[in-house]
């Protein structure tokens, strides 16, 4: 995970390295904690499927 910067580039990709799947995601840390929590839940859902979300 990378913190979002003012650059227009947003890292959100995946690739295979040595037989392992590597994914890069960007978080916008300038959001309030409720929105940051939503971002993190969305990323977790992409990799682990549906789960009981933590709501703040």
PDB file of N, CA and C in Angstrom:
ATOM      1  N   UNK A   1       0.833  -1.170   0.000  1.00  0.00           N
ATOM      2  CA  UNK A   1       0.000   0.000   0.000  1.00  0.00           C
ATOM      3  C   UNK A   1       0.882   1.238   0.000  1.00  0.00           C
ATOM      4  N   UNK A   2       0.414   2.208  -0.744  1.00  0.00           N
ATOM      5  CA  UNK A   2       1.096   3.498  -0.836  1.00  0.00           C
ATOM      6  C   UNK A   2       0.120   4.602  -0.466  1.00  0.00           C
ATOM      7  N   UNK A   3       0.619   5.639   0.157  1.00  0.00           N
ATOM      8  CA  UNK A   3      -0.203   6.809   0.446  1.00  0.00           C
ATOM      9  C   UNK A   3      -0.339   7.624  -0.828  1.00  0.00           C
ATOM     10  N   UNK A   4      -1.549   8.098  -1.089  1.00  0.00           N
ATOM     11  CA  UNK A   4      -1.805   8.929  -2.260  1.00  0.00           C
ATOM     12  C   UNK A   4      -1.044  10.245  -2.118  1.00  0.00           C
ATOM     13  N   UNK A   5      -0.487  10.707  -3.230  1.00  0.00           N
ATOM     14  CA  UNK A   5       0.207  11.994  -3.258  1.00  0.00           C
ATOM     15  C   UNK A   5      -0.566  12.942  -4.159  1.00  0.00           C
ATOM     16  N   UNK A   6      -0.024  14.119  -4.392  1.00  0.00           N
ATOM     17  CA  UNK A   6      -0.673  15.085  -5.270  1.00  0.00           C
ATOM     18  C   UNK A   6      -0.464  14.755  -6.745  1.00  0.00           C
ATOM     19  N   UNK A   7       0.374  13.760  -7.040  1.00  0.00           N
ATOM     20  CA  UNK A   7       0.584  13.351  -8.425  1.00  0.00           C
ATOM     21  C   UNK A   7      -0.687  12.725  -8.986  1.00  0.00           C
ATOM     22  N   UNK A   8      -0.837  12.776 -10.299  1.00  0.00           N
ATOM     23  CA  UNK A   8      -2.020  12.209 -10.927  1.00  0.00           C
ATOM     24  C   UNK A   8      -1.960  10.687 -11.013  1.00  0.00           C
ATOM     25  N   UNK A   9      -0.788  10.115 -10.773  1.00  0.00           N
ATOM     26  CA  UNK A   9      -0.623   8.664 -10.844  1.00  0.00           C
ATOM     27  C   UNK A   9      -1.180   8.027  -9.570  1.00  0.00           C
ATOM     28  N   UNK A  10      -2.077   7.047  -9.746  1.00  0.00           N
ATOM     29  CA  UNK A  10      -2.619   6.296  -8.626  1.00  0.00           C
ATOM     30  C   UNK A  10      -2.222   4.841  -8.841  1.00  0.00           C
ATOM     31  N   UNK A  11      -1.466   4.298  -7.903  1.00  0.00           N
ATOM     32  CA  UNK A  11      -0.998   2.920  -8.031  1.00  0.00           C
ATOM     33  C   UNK A  11      -2.128   1.964  -7.664  1.00  0.00           C
ATOM     34  N   UNK A  12      -2.557   1.173  -8.631  1.00  0.00           N
ATOM     35  CA  UNK A  12      -3.596   0.179  -8.410  1.00  0.00           C
ATOM     36  C   UNK A  12      -3.405  -0.896  -9.470  1.00  0.00           C
ATOM     37  N   UNK A  13      -2.493  -1.829  -9.204  1.00  0.00           N
ATOM     38  CA  UNK A  13      -2.195  -2.846 -10.199  1.00  0.00           C
ATOM     39  C   UNK A  13      -1.750  -4.134  -9.532  1.00  0.00           C
ATOM     40  N   UNK A  14      -1.657  -5.165 -10.331  1.00  0.00           N
ATOM     41  CA  UNK A  14      -1.194  -6.448  -9.835  1.00  0.00           C
ATOM     42  C   UNK A  14      -0.353  -7.132 -10.892  1.00  0.00           C
ATOM     43  N   UNK A  15       0.574  -7.956 -10.456  1.00  0.00           N
ATOM     44  CA  UNK A  15       1.400  -8.707 -11.385  1.00  0.00           C
ATOM     45  C   UNK A  15       1.948  -9.942 -10.686  1.00  0.00           C
ATOM     46  N   UNK A  16       2.560 -10.823 -11.461  1.00  0.00           N
ATOM     47  CA  UNK A  16       3.114 -12.056 -10.927  1.00  0.00           C
ATOM     48  C   UNK A  16       4.629 -11.940 -10.849  1.00  0.00           C
ATOM     49  N   UNK A  17       5.191 -12.329  -9.698  1.00  0.00           N
ATOM     50  CA  UNK A  17       6.639 -12.275  -9.507  1.00  0.00           C
ATOM     51  C   UNK A  17       7.074 -13.574  -8.830  1.00  0.00           C
ATOM     52  N   UNK A  18       7.852 -14.354  -9.515  1.00  0.00           N
ATOM     53  CA  UNK A  18       8.337 -15.606  -8.936  1.00  0.00           C
ATOM     54  C   UNK A  18       7.213 -16.550  -8.540  1.00  0.00           C
ATOM     55  N   UNK A  19       6.117 -16.538  -9.300  1.00  0.00           N
ATOM     56  CA  UNK A  19       4.977 -17.399  -8.995  1.00  0.00           C
ATOM     57  C   UNK A  19       4.041 -16.845  -7.935  1.00  0.00           C
ATOM     58  N   UNK A  20       4.329 -15.667  -7.412  1.00  0.00           N
ATOM     59  CA  UNK A  20       3.476 -15.022  -6.402  1.00  0.00           C
ATOM     60  C   UNK A  20       2.745 -13.841  -7.016  1.00  0.00           C
ATOM     61  N   UNK A  21       1.520 -13.642  -6.594  1.00  0.00           N
ATOM     62  CA  UNK A  21       0.749 -12.484  -7.031  1.00  0.00           C
ATOM     63  C   UNK A  21       1.090 -11.290  -6.143  1.00  0.00           C
ATOM     64  N   UNK A  22       1.496 -10.188  -6.745  1.00  0.00           N
ATOM     65  CA  UNK A  22       1.840  -8.961  -6.034  1.00  0.00           C
ATOM     66  C   UNK A  22       0.836  -7.884  -6.459  1.00  0.00           C
ATOM     67  N   UNK A  23       0.251  -7.198  -5.502  1.00  0.00           N
ATOM     68  CA  UNK A  23      -0.715  -6.137  -5.799  1.00  0.00           C
ATOM     69  C   UNK A  23      -0.287  -4.849  -5.118  1.00  0.00           C
ATOM     70  N   UNK A  24      -0.486  -3.754  -5.811  1.00  0.00           N
ATOM     71  CA  UNK A  24      -0.160  -2.429  -5.290  1.00  0.00           C
ATOM     72  C   UNK A  24      -1.454  -1.619  -5.215  1.00  0.00           C
ATOM     73  N   UNK A  25      -1.715  -1.037  -4.082  1.00  0.00           N
ATOM     74  CA  UNK A  25      -2.911  -0.228  -3.870  1.00  0.00           C
ATOM     75  C   UNK A  25      -2.516   1.118  -3.283  1.00  0.00           C
ATOM     76  N   UNK A  26      -3.331   2.122  -3.530  1.00  0.00           N
ATOM     77  CA  UNK A  26      -3.101   3.471  -3.011  1.00  0.00           C
ATOM     78  C   UNK A  26      -4.224   3.855  -2.060  1.00  0.00           C
ATOM     79  N   UNK A  27      -3.861   4.413  -0.914  1.00  0.00           N
ATOM     80  CA  UNK A  27      -4.837   4.908   0.059  1.00  0.00           C
ATOM     81  C   UNK A  27      -4.770   6.427   0.111  1.00  0.00           C
ATOM     82  N   UNK A  28      -5.928   7.064   0.158  1.00  0.00           N
ATOM     83  CA  UNK A  28      -5.987   8.514   0.299  1.00  0.00           C
ATOM     84  C   UNK A  28      -6.072   8.836   1.789  1.00  0.00           C
ATOM     85  N   UNK A  29      -4.933   9.148   2.384  1.00  0.00           N
ATOM     86  CA  UNK A  29      -4.863   9.402   3.821  1.00  0.00           C
ATOM     87  C   UNK A  29      -5.383  10.785   4.215  1.00  0.00           C
ATOM     88  N   UNK A  30      -5.766  11.598   3.232  1.00  0.00           N
ATOM     89  CA  UNK A  30      -6.329  12.918   3.529  1.00  0.00           C
ATOM     90  C   UNK A  30      -7.828  12.850   3.817  1.00  0.00           C
ATOM     91  N   UNK A  31      -8.415  11.680   3.715  1.00  0.00           N
ATOM     92  CA  UNK A  31      -9.842  11.504   4.006  1.00  0.00           C
ATOM     93  C   UNK A  31     -10.033  11.345   5.510  1.00  0.00           C
ATOM     94  N   UNK A  32     -11.272  11.582   5.973  1.00  0.00           N
ATOM     95  CA  UNK A  32     -11.523  11.344   7.396  1.00  0.00           C
ATOM     96  C   UNK A  32     -11.505   9.840   7.658  1.00  0.00           C
ATOM     97  N   UNK A  33     -11.431   9.461   8.919  1.00  0.00           N
ATOM     98  CA  UNK A  33     -11.219   8.060   9.253  1.00  0.00           C
ATOM     99  C   UNK A  33     -12.343   7.159   8.745  1.00  0.00           C
ATOM    100  N   UNK A  34     -13.568   7.661   8.722  1.00  0.00           N
ATOM    101  CA  UNK A  34     -14.699   6.858   8.230  1.00  0.00           C
ATOM    102  C   UNK A  34     -14.478   6.474   6.764  1.00  0.00           C
ATOM    103  N   UNK A  35     -14.044   7.423   5.941  1.00  0.00           N
ATOM    104  CA  UNK A  35     -13.783   7.139   4.526  1.00  0.00           C
ATOM    105  C   UNK A  35     -12.548   6.266   4.351  1.00  0.00           C
ATOM    106  N   UNK A  36     -11.540   6.467   5.176  1.00  0.00           N
ATOM    107  CA  UNK A  36     -10.343   5.630   5.132  1.00  0.00           C
ATOM    108  C   UNK A  36     -10.706   4.178   5.460  1.00  0.00           C
ATOM    109  N   UNK A  37     -11.578   4.001   6.440  1.00  0.00           N
ATOM    110  CA  UNK A  37     -12.047   2.667   6.813  1.00  0.00           C
ATOM    111  C   UNK A  37     -12.766   2.007   5.636  1.00  0.00           C
ATOM    112  N   UNK A  38     -13.570   2.775   4.907  1.00  0.00           N
ATOM    113  CA  UNK A  38     -14.267   2.245   3.725  1.00  0.00           C
ATOM    114  C   UNK A  38     -13.268   1.807   2.662  1.00  0.00           C
ATOM    115  N   UNK A  39     -12.224   2.615   2.442  1.00  0.00           N
ATOM    116  CA  UNK A  39     -11.193   2.250   1.470  1.00  0.00           C
ATOM    117  C   UNK A  39     -10.531   0.928   1.849  1.00  0.00           C
ATOM    118  N   UNK A  40     -10.171   0.798   3.127  1.00  0.00           N
ATOM    119  CA  UNK A  40      -9.510  -0.421   3.599  1.00  0.00           C
ATOM    120  C   UNK A  40     -10.430  -1.634   3.497  1.00  0.00           C
ATOM    121  N   UNK A  41     -11.700  -1.462   3.854  1.00  0.00           N
ATOM    122  CA  UNK A  41     -12.661  -2.565   3.725  1.00  0.00           C
ATOM    123  C   UNK A  41     -12.811  -2.994   2.274  1.00  0.00           C
ATOM    124  N   UNK A  42     -12.843  -2.041   1.357  1.00  0.00           N
ATOM    125  CA  UNK A  42     -12.970  -2.359  -0.066  1.00  0.00           C
ATOM    126  C   UNK A  42     -11.761  -3.166  -0.550  1.00  0.00           C
ATOM    127  N   UNK A  43     -10.571  -2.763  -0.151  1.00  0.00           N
ATOM    128  CA  UNK A  43      -9.357  -3.492  -0.545  1.00  0.00           C
ATOM    129  C   UNK A  43      -9.385  -4.908   0.029  1.00  0.00           C
ATOM    130  N   UNK A  44      -9.736  -5.048   1.308  1.00  0.00           N
ATOM    131  CA  UNK A  44      -9.800  -6.368   1.931  1.00  0.00           C
ATOM    132  C   UNK A  44     -10.822  -7.253   1.225  1.00  0.00           C
ATOM    133  N   UNK A  45     -11.972  -6.671   0.841  1.00  0.00           N
ATOM    134  CA  UNK A  45     -13.015  -7.413   0.144  1.00  0.00           C
ATOM    135  C   UNK A  45     -12.525  -7.932  -1.208  1.00  0.00           C
ATOM    136  N   UNK A  46     -11.721  -7.149  -1.904  1.00  0.00           N
ATOM    137  CA  UNK A  46     -11.188  -7.564  -3.197  1.00  0.00           C
ATOM    138  C   UNK A  46     -10.354  -8.831  -3.077  1.00  0.00           C
ATOM    139  N   UNK A  47      -9.626  -8.978  -1.985  1.00  0.00           N
ATOM    140  CA  UNK A  47      -8.710 -10.103  -1.835  1.00  0.00           C
ATOM    141  C   UNK A  47      -9.275 -11.260  -1.025  1.00  0.00           C
ATOM    142  N   UNK A  48     -10.196 -10.971  -0.102  1.00  0.00           N
ATOM    143  CA  UNK A  48     -10.683 -12.007   0.800  1.00  0.00           C
ATOM    144  C   UNK A  48     -12.171 -12.257   0.682  1.00  0.00           C
ATOM    145  N   UNK A  49     -12.869 -11.511  -0.166  1.00  0.00           N
ATOM    146  CA  UNK A  49     -14.316 -11.693  -0.325  1.00  0.00           C
ATOM    147  C   UNK A  49     -15.093 -10.989   0.775  1.00  0.00           C
ATOM    148  N   UNK A  50     -16.372 -11.289   0.827  1.00  0.00           N
ATOM    149  CA  UNK A  50     -17.263 -10.668   1.813  1.00  0.00           C
ATOM    150  C   UNK A  50     -16.844 -11.048   3.230  1.00  0.00           C
ATOM    151  N   UNK A  51     -16.980 -10.112   4.151  1.00  0.00           N
ATOM    152  CA  UNK A  51     -16.677 -10.355   5.555  1.00  0.00           C
ATOM    153  C   UNK A  51     -17.441  -9.346   6.382  1.00  0.00           C
ATOM    154  N   UNK A  52     -17.470  -9.543   7.696  1.00  0.00           N
ATOM    155  CA  UNK A  52     -18.129  -8.592   8.582  1.00  0.00           C
ATOM    156  C   UNK A  52     -17.260  -7.350   8.680  1.00  0.00           C
ATOM    157  N   UNK A  53     -17.743  -6.251   8.119  1.00  0.00           N
ATOM    158  CA  UNK A  53     -16.962  -5.016   8.059  1.00  0.00           C
ATOM    159  C   UNK A  53     -16.931  -4.327   9.418  1.00  0.00           C
ATOM    160  N   UNK A  54     -15.836  -3.668   9.679  1.00  0.00           N
ATOM    161  CA  UNK A  54     -15.706  -2.845  10.870  1.00  0.00           C
ATOM    162  C   UNK A  54     -16.227  -1.467  10.508  1.00  0.00           C
ATOM    163  N   UNK A  55     -17.239  -1.013  11.218  1.00  0.00           N
ATOM    164  CA  UNK A  55     -17.832   0.300  10.956  1.00  0.00           C
ATOM    165  C   UNK A  55     -17.435   1.222  12.091  1.00  0.00           C
ATOM    166  N   UNK A  56     -16.915   2.399  11.721  1.00  0.00           N
ATOM    167  CA  UNK A  56     -16.470   3.358  12.729  1.00  0.00           C
ATOM    168  C   UNK A  56     -17.421   4.532  12.741  1.00  0.00           C
TER     169      UNK A  56
END
